[in-house]
C-alpha cells in the first residue's frame, strides 16, 4: 500500500461534519495528543522500569499516521507529496547521510557557524 492509498482509505473515517478549518485543527491537535501518548510509553519504559510495549507503541504510531493524513488532507496535500518533500529537505540537509557538524551548523539556524 502506498501512503496515498493509506490516506484515501483512512480519510473515509474522517468526520464529514467538520469544515476545512476544523479538520486542520483536529489533525494538528490529534498529532500532538498521539505523540504524547507515544512518548508516555517510552517514558514509562526508560524512566519507570516498565517493559516497552512495542505493539501498543506501534498502534500509537498508526494513530499518528491517521492524524498526519488528516492534516495533509486539510491543507490539500497527499501523503506521497509530503513524504517526498521531507526526503528532499533531508537530502539537501544531509547529502552524504547524517553528519553531526551539519546538524550543529544548519543554514536555517542562526548559530554563526
PDB file of N, CA and C in Angstrom:
ATOM      1  N   UNK A   1       0.848  -1.174   0.000  1.00  0.00           N
ATOM      2  CA  UNK A   1       0.000   0.000   0.000  1.00  0.00           C
ATOM      3  C   UNK A   1       0.896   1.241   0.000  1.00  0.00           C
ATOM      4  N   UNK A   2       0.528   2.222  -0.785  1.00  0.00           N
ATOM      5  CA  UNK A   2       1.261   3.489  -0.801  1.00  0.00           C
ATOM      6  C   UNK A   2       0.710   4.415   0.282  1.00  0.00           C
ATOM      7  N   UNK A   3       1.451   5.454   0.558  1.00  0.00           N
ATOM      8  CA  UNK A   3       0.983   6.449   1.526  1.00  0.00           C
ATOM      9  C   UNK A   3      -0.324   7.076   1.050  1.00  0.00           C
ATOM     10  N   UNK A   4      -0.433   7.340  -0.248  1.00  0.00           N
ATOM     11  CA  UNK A   4      -1.673   7.928  -0.765  1.00  0.00           C
ATOM     12  C   UNK A   4      -2.850   6.975  -0.636  1.00  0.00           C
ATOM     13  N   UNK A   5      -2.603   5.687  -0.836  1.00  0.00           N
ATOM     14  CA  UNK A   5      -3.682   4.719  -0.647  1.00  0.00           C
ATOM     15  C   UNK A   5      -4.122   4.696   0.819  1.00  0.00           C
ATOM     16  N   UNK A   6      -3.143   4.735   1.723  1.00  0.00           N
ATOM     17  CA  UNK A   6      -3.482   4.803   3.146  1.00  0.00           C
ATOM     18  C   UNK A   6      -4.335   6.037   3.422  1.00  0.00           C
ATOM     19  N   UNK A   7      -3.883   7.186   2.920  1.00  0.00           N
ATOM     20  CA  UNK A   7      -4.603   8.429   3.160  1.00  0.00           C
ATOM     21  C   UNK A   7      -6.039   8.330   2.661  1.00  0.00           C
ATOM     22  N   UNK A   8      -6.206   7.819   1.474  1.00  0.00           N
ATOM     23  CA  UNK A   8      -7.544   7.699   0.896  1.00  0.00           C
ATOM     24  C   UNK A   8      -8.436   6.793   1.743  1.00  0.00           C
ATOM     25  N   UNK A   9      -7.903   5.648   2.149  1.00  0.00           N
ATOM     26  CA  UNK A   9      -8.690   4.709   2.938  1.00  0.00           C
ATOM     27  C   UNK A   9      -8.953   5.241   4.347  1.00  0.00           C
ATOM     28  N   UNK A  10      -7.959   5.866   4.945  1.00  0.00           N
ATOM     29  CA  UNK A  10      -8.112   6.390   6.302  1.00  0.00           C
ATOM     30  C   UNK A  10      -9.110   7.545   6.337  1.00  0.00           C
ATOM     31  N   UNK A  11      -9.089   8.377   5.320  1.00  0.00           N
ATOM     32  CA  UNK A  11      -9.954   9.545   5.329  1.00  0.00           C
ATOM     33  C   UNK A  11     -11.416   9.196   5.107  1.00  0.00           C
ATOM     34  N   UNK A  12     -11.705   7.934   4.806  1.00  0.00           N
ATOM     35  CA  UNK A  12     -13.101   7.503   4.775  1.00  0.00           C
ATOM     36  C   UNK A  12     -13.711   7.585   6.169  1.00  0.00           C
ATOM     37  N   UNK A  13     -12.836   7.597   7.200  1.00  0.00           N
ATOM     38  CA  UNK A  13     -13.326   7.662   8.582  1.00  0.00           C
ATOM     39  C   UNK A  13     -13.270   9.080   9.154  1.00  0.00           C
ATOM     40  N   UNK A  14     -12.955  10.040   8.304  1.00  0.00           N
ATOM     41  CA  UNK A  14     -12.957  11.443   8.718  1.00  0.00           C
ATOM     42  C   UNK A  14     -14.389  11.900   8.971  1.00  0.00           C
ATOM     43  N   UNK A  15     -14.595  12.649  10.017  1.00  0.00           N
ATOM     44  CA  UNK A  15     -15.925  13.154  10.363  1.00  0.00           C
ATOM     45  C   UNK A  15     -16.400  14.113   9.269  1.00  0.00           C
ATOM     46  N   UNK A  16     -17.433  13.757   8.518  1.00  0.00           N
ATOM     47  CA  UNK A  16     -17.898  14.615   7.417  1.00  0.00           C
ATOM     48  C   UNK A  16     -18.545  15.917   7.896  1.00  0.00           C
ATOM     49  N   UNK A  17     -18.852  16.009   9.174  1.00  0.00           N
ATOM     50  CA  UNK A  17     -19.474  17.222   9.699  1.00  0.00           C
ATOM     51  C   UNK A  17     -18.451  18.335   9.930  1.00  0.00           C
ATOM     52  N   UNK A  18     -17.146  17.998   9.896  1.00  0.00           N
ATOM     53  CA  UNK A  18     -16.119  19.010  10.144  1.00  0.00           C
ATOM     54  C   UNK A  18     -15.883  19.857   8.899  1.00  0.00           C
ATOM     55  N   UNK A  19     -15.754  21.173   9.106  1.00  0.00           N
ATOM     56  CA  UNK A  19     -15.378  22.034   7.983  1.00  0.00           C
ATOM     57  C   UNK A  19     -13.854  22.000   7.830  1.00  0.00           C
ATOM     58  N   UNK A  20     -13.340  22.652   6.801  1.00  0.00           N
ATOM     59  CA  UNK A  20     -11.914  22.607   6.492  1.00  0.00           C
ATOM     60  C   UNK A  20     -11.051  23.079   7.674  1.00  0.00           C
ATOM     61  N   UNK A  21     -11.480  24.158   8.304  1.00  0.00           N
ATOM     62  CA  UNK A  21     -10.742  24.702   9.452  1.00  0.00           C
ATOM     63  C   UNK A  21     -10.692  23.696  10.592  1.00  0.00           C
ATOM     64  N   UNK A  22     -11.828  23.064  10.870  1.00  0.00           N
ATOM     65  CA  UNK A  22     -11.902  22.111  11.965  1.00  0.00           C
ATOM     66  C   UNK A  22     -11.109  20.835  11.672  1.00  0.00           C
ATOM     67  N   UNK A  23     -11.054  20.445  10.416  1.00  0.00           N
ATOM     68  CA  UNK A  23     -10.233  19.287  10.041  1.00  0.00           C
ATOM     69  C   UNK A  23      -8.764  19.594  10.331  1.00  0.00           C
ATOM     70  N   UNK A  24      -8.328  20.795   9.987  1.00  0.00           N
ATOM     71  CA  UNK A  24      -6.953  21.200  10.261  1.00  0.00           C
ATOM     72  C   UNK A  24      -6.676  21.202  11.765  1.00  0.00           C
ATOM     73  N   UNK A  25      -7.551  21.820  12.526  1.00  0.00           N
ATOM     74  CA  UNK A  25      -7.368  21.890  13.978  1.00  0.00           C
ATOM     75  C   UNK A  25      -7.361  20.491  14.586  1.00  0.00           C
ATOM     76  N   UNK A  26      -8.322  19.670  14.208  1.00  0.00           N
ATOM     77  CA  UNK A  26      -8.399  18.308  14.734  1.00  0.00           C
ATOM     78  C   UNK A  26      -7.150  17.510  14.370  1.00  0.00           C
ATOM     79  N   UNK A  27      -6.660  17.691  13.155  1.00  0.00           N
ATOM     80  CA  UNK A  27      -5.483  16.964  12.714  1.00  0.00           C
ATOM     81  C   UNK A  27      -4.242  17.318  13.507  1.00  0.00           C
ATOM     82  N   UNK A  28      -3.987  18.603  13.666  1.00  0.00           N
ATOM     83  CA  UNK A  28      -2.778  19.037  14.380  1.00  0.00           C
ATOM     84  C   UNK A  28      -2.888  18.706  15.868  1.00  0.00           C
ATOM     85  N   UNK A  29      -4.054  18.929  16.444  1.00  0.00           N
ATOM     86  CA  UNK A  29      -4.219  18.578  17.860  1.00  0.00           C
ATOM     87  C   UNK A  29      -4.103  17.067  18.053  1.00  0.00           C
ATOM     88  N   UNK A  30      -4.643  16.311  17.134  1.00  0.00           N
ATOM     89  CA  UNK A  30      -4.528  14.852  17.215  1.00  0.00           C
ATOM     90  C   UNK A  30      -3.090  14.385  17.120  1.00  0.00           C
ATOM     91  N   UNK A  31      -2.306  15.009  16.230  1.00  0.00           N
ATOM     92  CA  UNK A  31      -0.883  14.670  16.135  1.00  0.00           C
ATOM     93  C   UNK A  31      -0.193  14.879  17.474  1.00  0.00           C
ATOM     94  N   UNK A  32      -0.454  16.015  18.086  1.00  0.00           N
ATOM     95  CA  UNK A  32       0.172  16.322  19.383  1.00  0.00           C
ATOM     96  C   UNK A  32      -0.267  15.332  20.455  1.00  0.00           C
ATOM     97  N   UNK A  33      -1.538  15.036  20.502  1.00  0.00           N
ATOM     98  CA  UNK A  33      -2.055  14.119  21.508  1.00  0.00           C
ATOM     99  C   UNK A  33      -1.495  12.718  21.358  1.00  0.00           C
ATOM    100  N   UNK A  34      -1.480  12.227  20.145  1.00  0.00           N
ATOM    101  CA  UNK A  34      -0.980  10.869  19.917  1.00  0.00           C
ATOM    102  C   UNK A  34       0.528  10.789  20.117  1.00  0.00           C
ATOM    103  N   UNK A  35       1.260  11.844  19.744  1.00  0.00           N
ATOM    104  CA  UNK A  35       2.700  11.872  20.010  1.00  0.00           C
ATOM    105  C   UNK A  35       2.947  11.844  21.514  1.00  0.00           C
ATOM    106  N   UNK A  36       2.088  12.524  22.271  1.00  0.00           N
ATOM    107  CA  UNK A  36       2.193  12.487  23.722  1.00  0.00           C
ATOM    108  C   UNK A  36       1.964  11.094  24.275  1.00  0.00           C
ATOM    109  N   UNK A  37       1.013  10.376  23.713  1.00  0.00           N
ATOM    110  CA  UNK A  37       0.774   9.002  24.161  1.00  0.00           C
ATOM    111  C   UNK A  37       1.975   8.114  23.844  1.00  0.00           C
ATOM    112  N   UNK A  38       2.599   8.330  22.678  1.00  0.00           N
ATOM    113  CA  UNK A  38       3.775   7.547  22.306  1.00  0.00           C
ATOM    114  C   UNK A  38       4.937   7.834  23.253  1.00  0.00           C
ATOM    115  N   UNK A  39       5.193   9.092  23.542  1.00  0.00           N
ATOM    116  CA  UNK A  39       6.315   9.423  24.415  1.00  0.00           C
ATOM    117  C   UNK A  39       6.046   8.937  25.838  1.00  0.00           C
ATOM    118  N   UNK A  40       4.792   8.902  26.261  1.00  0.00           N
ATOM    119  CA  UNK A  40       4.481   8.401  27.591  1.00  0.00           C
ATOM    120  C   UNK A  40       4.863   6.930  27.716  1.00  0.00           C
ATOM    121  N   UNK A  41       4.629   6.147  26.678  1.00  0.00           N
ATOM    122  CA  UNK A  41       5.035   4.742  26.706  1.00  0.00           C
ATOM    123  C   UNK A  41       6.551   4.606  26.811  1.00  0.00           C
ATOM    124  N   UNK A  42       7.272   5.436  26.065  1.00  0.00           N
ATOM    125  CA  UNK A  42       8.740   5.391  26.107  1.00  0.00           C
ATOM    126  C   UNK A  42       9.246   5.884  27.458  1.00  0.00           C
ATOM    127  N   UNK A  43       8.625   6.931  28.004  1.00  0.00           N
ATOM    128  CA  UNK A  43       9.000   7.447  29.328  1.00  0.00           C
ATOM    129  C   UNK A  43       8.837   6.378  30.389  1.00  0.00           C
ATOM    130  N   UNK A  44       7.702   5.688  30.367  1.00  0.00           N
ATOM    131  CA  UNK A  44       7.473   4.637  31.355  1.00  0.00           C
ATOM    132  C   UNK A  44       8.526   3.540  31.234  1.00  0.00           C
ATOM    133  N   UNK A  45       8.932   3.252  30.020  1.00  0.00           N
ATOM    134  CA  UNK A  45       9.962   2.238  29.789  1.00  0.00           C
ATOM    135  C   UNK A  45      11.321   2.713  30.295  1.00  0.00           C
ATOM    136  N   UNK A  46      11.726   3.919  29.915  1.00  0.00           N
ATOM    137  CA  UNK A  46      13.065   4.401  30.239  1.00  0.00           C
ATOM    138  C   UNK A  46      13.210   4.907  31.670  1.00  0.00           C
ATOM    139  N   UNK A  47      12.187   5.543  32.195  1.00  0.00           N
ATOM    140  CA  UNK A  47      12.325   6.197  33.495  1.00  0.00           C
ATOM    141  C   UNK A  47      11.651   5.451  34.641  1.00  0.00           C
ATOM    142  N   UNK A  48      10.732   4.525  34.309  1.00  0.00           N
ATOM    143  CA  UNK A  48       9.980   3.886  35.377  1.00  0.00           C
ATOM    144  C   UNK A  48      10.116   2.368  35.386  1.00  0.00           C
ATOM    145  N   UNK A  49      10.941   1.847  34.498  1.00  0.00           N
ATOM    146  CA  UNK A  49      11.215   0.420  34.506  1.00  0.00           C
ATOM    147  C   UNK A  49      10.146  -0.472  33.909  1.00  0.00           C
ATOM    148  N   UNK A  50       9.174   0.106  33.223  1.00  0.00           N
ATOM    149  CA  UNK A  50       8.146  -0.712  32.577  1.00  0.00           C
ATOM    150  C   UNK A  50       8.741  -1.395  31.352  1.00  0.00           C
ATOM    151  N   UNK A  51       8.234  -2.562  30.996  1.00  0.00           N
ATOM    152  CA  UNK A  51       8.665  -3.139  29.719  1.00  0.00           C
ATOM    153  C   UNK A  51       8.154  -2.259  28.579  1.00  0.00           C
ATOM    154  N   UNK A  52       8.920  -2.187  27.498  1.00  0.00           N
ATOM    155  CA  UNK A  52       8.474  -1.402  26.342  1.00  0.00           C
ATOM    156  C   UNK A  52       7.340  -2.152  25.655  1.00  0.00           C
ATOM    157  N   UNK A  53       6.189  -1.519  25.601  1.00  0.00           N
ATOM    158  CA  UNK A  53       5.018  -2.123  24.968  1.00  0.00           C
ATOM    159  C   UNK A  53       5.055  -1.821  23.466  1.00  0.00           C
ATOM    160  N   UNK A  54       5.818  -2.624  22.735  1.00  0.00           N
ATOM    161  CA  UNK A  54       6.055  -2.350  21.317  1.00  0.00           C
ATOM    162  C   UNK A  54       4.777  -2.375  20.495  1.00  0.00           C
ATOM    163  N   UNK A  55       3.907  -3.330  20.752  1.00  0.00           N
ATOM    164  CA  UNK A  55       2.668  -3.390  19.970  1.00  0.00           C
ATOM    165  C   UNK A  55       1.794  -2.171  20.245  1.00  0.00           C
ATOM    166  N   UNK A  56       1.716  -1.776  21.511  1.00  0.00           N
ATOM    167  CA  UNK A  56       0.932  -0.578  21.849  1.00  0.00           C
ATOM    168  C   UNK A  56       1.544   0.660  21.215  1.00  0.00           C
ATOM    169  N   UNK A  57       2.886   0.746  21.233  1.00  0.00           N
ATOM    170  CA  UNK A  57       3.566   1.871  20.596  1.00  0.00           C
ATOM    171  C   UNK A  57       3.303   1.871  19.092  1.00  0.00           C
ATOM    172  N   UNK A  58       3.326   0.708  18.470  1.00  0.00           N
ATOM    173  CA  UNK A  58       3.027   0.621  17.037  1.00  0.00           C
ATOM    174  C   UNK A  58       1.612   1.108  16.743  1.00  0.00           C
ATOM    175  N   UNK A  59       0.673   0.793  17.627  1.00  0.00           N
ATOM    176  CA  UNK A  59      -0.703   1.259  17.430  1.00  0.00           C
ATOM    177  C   UNK A  59      -0.786   2.779  17.567  1.00  0.00           C
ATOM    178  N   UNK A  60      -0.020   3.340  18.495  1.00  0.00           N
ATOM    179  CA  UNK A  60       0.026   4.806  18.613  1.00  0.00           C
ATOM    180  C   UNK A  60       0.622   5.421  17.350  1.00  0.00           C
ATOM    181  N   UNK A  61       1.631   4.776  16.792  1.00  0.00           N
ATOM    182  CA  UNK A  61       2.200   5.270  15.527  1.00  0.00           C
ATOM    183  C   UNK A  61       1.153   5.249  14.419  1.00  0.00           C
ATOM    184  N   UNK A  62       0.297   4.242  14.439  1.00  0.00           N
ATOM    185  CA  UNK A  62      -0.802   4.205  13.481  1.00  0.00           C
ATOM    186  C   UNK A  62      -1.755   5.369  13.672  1.00  0.00           C
ATOM    187  N   UNK A  63      -2.040   5.699  14.929  1.00  0.00           N
ATOM    188  CA  UNK A  63      -2.894   6.858  15.199  1.00  0.00           C
ATOM    189  C   UNK A  63      -2.226   8.145  14.722  1.00  0.00           C
ATOM    190  N   UNK A  64      -0.915   8.239  14.923  1.00  0.00           N
ATOM    191  CA  UNK A  64      -0.171   9.399  14.429  1.00  0.00           C
ATOM    192  C   UNK A  64      -0.287   9.486  12.914  1.00  0.00           C
ATOM    193  N   UNK A  65      -0.191   8.342  12.243  1.00  0.00           N
ATOM    194  CA  UNK A  65      -0.320   8.319  10.779  1.00  0.00           C
ATOM    195  C   UNK A  65      -1.693   8.821  10.347  1.00  0.00           C
ATOM    196  N   UNK A  66      -2.733   8.431  11.088  1.00  0.00           N
ATOM    197  CA  UNK A  66      -4.084   8.877  10.738  1.00  0.00           C
ATOM    198  C   UNK A  66      -4.183  10.400  10.825  1.00  0.00           C
ATOM    199  N   UNK A  67      -3.688  10.967  11.919  1.00  0.00           N
ATOM    200  CA  UNK A  67      -3.769  12.416  12.081  1.00  0.00           C
ATOM    201  C   UNK A  67      -2.846  13.150  11.102  1.00  0.00           C
ATOM    202  N   UNK A  68      -1.742  12.533  10.726  1.00  0.00           N
ATOM    203  CA  UNK A  68      -0.884  13.099   9.683  1.00  0.00           C
ATOM    204  C   UNK A  68      -1.655  13.163   8.361  1.00  0.00           C
ATOM    205  N   UNK A  69      -2.341  12.078   8.050  1.00  0.00           N
ATOM    206  CA  UNK A  69      -3.154  12.045   6.826  1.00  0.00           C
ATOM    207  C   UNK A  69      -4.253  13.097   6.878  1.00  0.00           C
ATOM    208  N   UNK A  70      -4.888  13.249   8.029  1.00  0.00           N
ATOM    209  CA  UNK A  70      -5.947  14.253   8.164  1.00  0.00           C
ATOM    210  C   UNK A  70      -5.391  15.658   7.969  1.00  0.00           C
ATOM    211  N   UNK A  71      -4.249  15.943   8.589  1.00  0.00           N
ATOM    212  CA  UNK A  71      -3.662  17.279   8.475  1.00  0.00           C
ATOM    213  C   UNK A  71      -3.238  17.566   7.040  1.00  0.00           C
ATOM    214  N   UNK A  72      -2.641  16.587   6.382  1.00  0.00           N
ATOM    215  CA  UNK A  72      -2.257  16.764   4.975  1.00  0.00           C
ATOM    216  C   UNK A  72      -3.495  17.011   4.116  1.00  0.00           C
ATOM    217  N   UNK A  73      -4.546  16.267   4.368  1.00  0.00           N
ATOM    218  CA  UNK A  73      -5.800  16.457   3.638  1.00  0.00           C
ATOM    219  C   UNK A  73      -6.332  17.868   3.851  1.00  0.00           C
ATOM    220  N   UNK A  74      -6.258  18.347   5.080  1.00  0.00           N
ATOM    221  CA  UNK A  74      -6.775  19.680   5.407  1.00  0.00           C
ATOM    222  C   UNK A  74      -6.067  20.782   4.632  1.00  0.00           C
ATOM    223  N   UNK A  75      -4.788  20.588   4.325  1.00  0.00           N
ATOM    224  CA  UNK A  75      -4.043  21.622   3.598  1.00  0.00           C
ATOM    225  C   UNK A  75      -3.917  21.313   2.103  1.00  0.00           C
ATOM    226  N   UNK A  76      -4.622  20.276   1.649  1.00  0.00           N
ATOM    227  CA  UNK A  76      -4.668  19.978   0.227  1.00  0.00           C
ATOM    228  C   UNK A  76      -3.453  19.230  -0.306  1.00  0.00           C
ATOM    229  N   UNK A  77      -2.769  18.477   0.552  1.00  0.00           N
ATOM    230  CA  UNK A  77      -1.607  17.701   0.116  1.00  0.00           C
ATOM    231  C   UNK A  77      -1.895  16.219   0.259  1.00  0.00           C
ATOM    232  N   UNK A  78      -1.305  15.422  -0.624  1.00  0.00           N
ATOM    233  CA  UNK A  78      -1.356  13.987  -0.443  1.00  0.00           C
ATOM    234  C   UNK A  78      -0.086  13.560   0.293  1.00  0.00           C
ATOM    235  N   UNK A  79      -0.172  12.420   0.974  1.00  0.00           N
ATOM    236  CA  UNK A  79       0.943  11.971   1.801  1.00  0.00           C
ATOM    237  C   UNK A  79       2.200  11.663   0.992  1.00  0.00           C
ATOM    238  N   UNK A  80       2.049  11.126  -0.207  1.00  0.00           N
ATOM    239  CA  UNK A  80       3.237  10.870  -1.027  1.00  0.00           C
ATOM    240  C   UNK A  80       4.017  12.157  -1.251  1.00  0.00           C
ATOM    241  N   UNK A  81       3.321  13.243  -1.534  1.00  0.00           N
ATOM    242  CA  UNK A  81       3.981  14.533  -1.747  1.00  0.00           C
ATOM    243  C   UNK A  81       4.652  15.020  -0.470  1.00  0.00           C
ATOM    244  N   UNK A  82       3.939  14.918   0.659  1.00  0.00           N
ATOM    245  CA  UNK A  82       4.512  15.349   1.938  1.00  0.00           C
ATOM    246  C   UNK A  82       5.792  14.564   2.233  1.00  0.00           C
ATOM    247  N   UNK A  83       5.744  13.266   2.032  1.00  0.00           N
ATOM    248  CA  UNK A  83       6.913  12.430   2.318  1.00  0.00           C
ATOM    249  C   UNK A  83       8.064  12.724   1.361  1.00  0.00           C
ATOM    250  N   UNK A  84       7.763  12.951   0.096  1.00  0.00           N
ATOM    251  CA  UNK A  84       8.817  13.310  -0.863  1.00  0.00           C
ATOM    252  C   UNK A  84       9.426  14.672  -0.540  1.00  0.00           C
ATOM    253  N   UNK A  85       8.598  15.619  -0.120  1.00  0.00           N
ATOM    254  CA  UNK A  85       9.120  16.927   0.279  1.00  0.00           C
ATOM    255  C   UNK A  85      10.094  16.775   1.448  1.00  0.00           C
ATOM    256  N   UNK A  86       9.753  15.900   2.384  1.00  0.00           N
ATOM    257  CA  UNK A  86      10.629  15.673   3.531  1.00  0.00           C
ATOM    258  C   UNK A  86      11.945  15.028   3.095  1.00  0.00           C
ATOM    259  N   UNK A  87      11.869  14.057   2.190  1.00  0.00           N
ATOM    260  CA  UNK A  87      13.105  13.436   1.696  1.00  0.00           C
ATOM    261  C   UNK A  87      13.983  14.450   0.978  1.00  0.00           C
ATOM    262  N   UNK A  88      13.375  15.328   0.192  1.00  0.00           N
ATOM    263  CA  UNK A  88      14.147  16.379  -0.489  1.00  0.00           C
ATOM    264  C   UNK A  88      14.838  17.284   0.526  1.00  0.00           C
ATOM    265  N   UNK A  89      14.130  17.662   1.588  1.00  0.00           N
ATOM    266  CA  UNK A  89      14.710  18.510   2.632  1.00  0.00           C
ATOM    267  C   UNK A  89      15.873  17.795   3.313  1.00  0.00           C
ATOM    268  N   UNK A  90      15.688  16.508   3.618  1.00  0.00           N
ATOM    269  CA  UNK A  90      16.754  15.747   4.278  1.00  0.00           C
ATOM    270  C   UNK A  90      17.961  15.566   3.365  1.00  0.00           C
ATOM    271  N   UNK A  91      17.712  15.344   2.086  1.00  0.00           N
ATOM    272  CA  UNK A  91      18.807  15.194   1.126  1.00  0.00           C
ATOM    273  C   UNK A  91      19.619  16.480   1.036  1.00  0.00           C
ATOM    274  N   UNK A  92      18.942  17.618   1.015  1.00  0.00           N
ATOM    275  CA  UNK A  92      19.649  18.899   0.963  1.00  0.00           C
ATOM    276  C   UNK A  92      20.422  19.147   2.264  1.00  0.00           C
ATOM    277  N   UNK A  93      19.852  18.762   3.374  1.00  0.00           N
ATOM    278  CA  UNK A  93      20.475  18.986   4.677  1.00  0.00           C
ATOM    279  C   UNK A  93      21.642  18.038   4.923  1.00  0.00           C
ATOM    280  N   UNK A  94      21.486  16.794   4.523  1.00  0.00           N
ATOM    281  CA  UNK A  94      22.499  15.757   4.765  1.00  0.00           C
ATOM    282  C   UNK A  94      22.768  14.984   3.477  1.00  0.00           C
ATOM    283  N   UNK A  95      23.429  15.585   2.492  1.00  0.00           N
ATOM    284  CA  UNK A  95      23.606  14.942   1.193  1.00  0.00           C
ATOM    285  C   UNK A  95      24.395  13.628   1.248  1.00  0.00           C
ATOM    286  N   UNK A  96      25.247  13.469   2.240  1.00  0.00           N
ATOM    287  CA  UNK A  96      26.037  12.242   2.368  1.00  0.00           C
ATOM    288  C   UNK A  96      25.611  11.417   3.577  1.00  0.00           C
ATOM    289  N   UNK A  97      24.413  11.635   4.066  1.00  0.00           N
ATOM    290  CA  UNK A  97      23.953  10.981   5.283  1.00  0.00           C
ATOM    291  C   UNK A  97      24.184  11.902   6.471  1.00  0.00           C
ATOM    292  N   UNK A  98      23.704  11.488   7.625  1.00  0.00           N
ATOM    293  CA  UNK A  98      23.799  12.333   8.815  1.00  0.00           C
ATOM    294  C   UNK A  98      25.250  12.646   9.153  1.00  0.00           C
ATOM    295  N   UNK A  99      25.498  13.909   9.452  1.00  0.00           N
ATOM    296  CA  UNK A  99      26.801  14.368   9.940  1.00  0.00           C
ATOM    297  C   UNK A  99      26.534  15.331  11.088  1.00  0.00           C
ATOM    298  N   UNK A 100      27.197  15.097  12.221  1.00  0.00           N
ATOM    299  CA  UNK A 100      26.991  15.943  13.400  1.00  0.00           C
ATOM    300  C   UNK A 100      27.262  17.402  13.086  1.00  0.00           C
ATOM    301  N   UNK A 101      28.343  17.693  12.370  1.00  0.00           N
ATOM    302  CA  UNK A 101      28.702  19.079  12.061  1.00  0.00           C
ATOM    303  C   UNK A 101      27.587  19.778  11.272  1.00  0.00           C
ATOM    304  N   UNK A 102      27.017  19.081  10.298  1.00  0.00           N
ATOM    305  CA  UNK A 102      25.919  19.680   9.514  1.00  0.00           C
ATOM    306  C   UNK A 102      24.686  19.878  10.391  1.00  0.00           C
ATOM    307  N   UNK A 103      24.487  19.002  11.346  1.00  0.00           N
ATOM    308  CA  UNK A 103      23.355  19.137  12.260  1.00  0.00           C
ATOM    309  C   UNK A 103      23.533  20.350  13.167  1.00  0.00           C
ATOM    310  N   UNK A 104      24.754  20.568  13.634  1.00  0.00           N
ATOM    311  CA  UNK A 104      25.031  21.690  14.525  1.00  0.00           C
ATOM    312  C   UNK A 104      25.005  23.024  13.802  1.00  0.00           C
ATOM    313  N   UNK A 105      25.358  23.038  12.537  1.00  0.00           N
ATOM    314  CA  UNK A 105      25.516  24.294  11.794  1.00  0.00           C
ATOM    315  C   UNK A 105      24.615  24.324  10.567  1.00  0.00           C
ATOM    316  N   UNK A 106      23.316  24.165  10.772  1.00  0.00           N
ATOM    317  CA  UNK A 106      22.391  24.215   9.644  1.00  0.00           C
ATOM    318  C   UNK A 106      22.198  25.645   9.202  1.00  0.00           C
ATOM    319  N   UNK A 107      22.016  25.825   7.904  1.00  0.00           N
ATOM    320  CA  UNK A 107      21.853  27.170   7.335  1.00  0.00           C
ATOM    321  C   UNK A 107      20.652  27.904   7.923  1.00  0.00           C
ATOM    322  N   UNK A 108      19.601  27.175   8.274  1.00  0.00           N
ATOM    323  CA  UNK A 108      18.400  27.836   8.790  1.00  0.00           C
ATOM    324  C   UNK A 108      18.569  28.286  10.242  1.00  0.00           C
ATOM    325  N   UNK A 109      19.598  27.785  10.905  1.00  0.00           N
ATOM    326  CA  UNK A 109      19.825  28.174  12.292  1.00  0.00           C
ATOM    327  C   UNK A 109      20.742  29.397  12.333  1.00  0.00           C
ATOM    328  N   UNK A 110      20.584  30.213  13.334  1.00  0.00           N
ATOM    329  CA  UNK A 110      21.417  31.397  13.493  1.00  0.00           C
ATOM    330  C   UNK A 110      22.432  31.137  14.602  1.00  0.00           C
ATOM    331  N   UNK A 111      23.360  30.229  14.298  1.00  0.00           N
ATOM    332  CA  UNK A 111      24.360  29.864  15.292  1.00  0.00           C
ATOM    333  C   UNK A 111      25.745  30.421  14.936  1.00  0.00           C
ATOM    334  N   UNK A 112      25.861  31.116  13.855  1.00  0.00           N
ATOM    335  CA  UNK A 112      27.141  31.705  13.470  1.00  0.00           C
ATOM    336  C   UNK A 112      28.172  30.691  13.027  1.00  0.00           C
ATOM    337  N   UNK A 113      27.768  29.543  12.526  1.00  0.00           N
ATOM    338  CA  UNK A 113      28.721  28.534  12.075  1.00  0.00           C
ATOM    339  C   UNK A 113      29.236  28.845  10.682  1.00  0.00           C
TER     340      UNK A 113
END
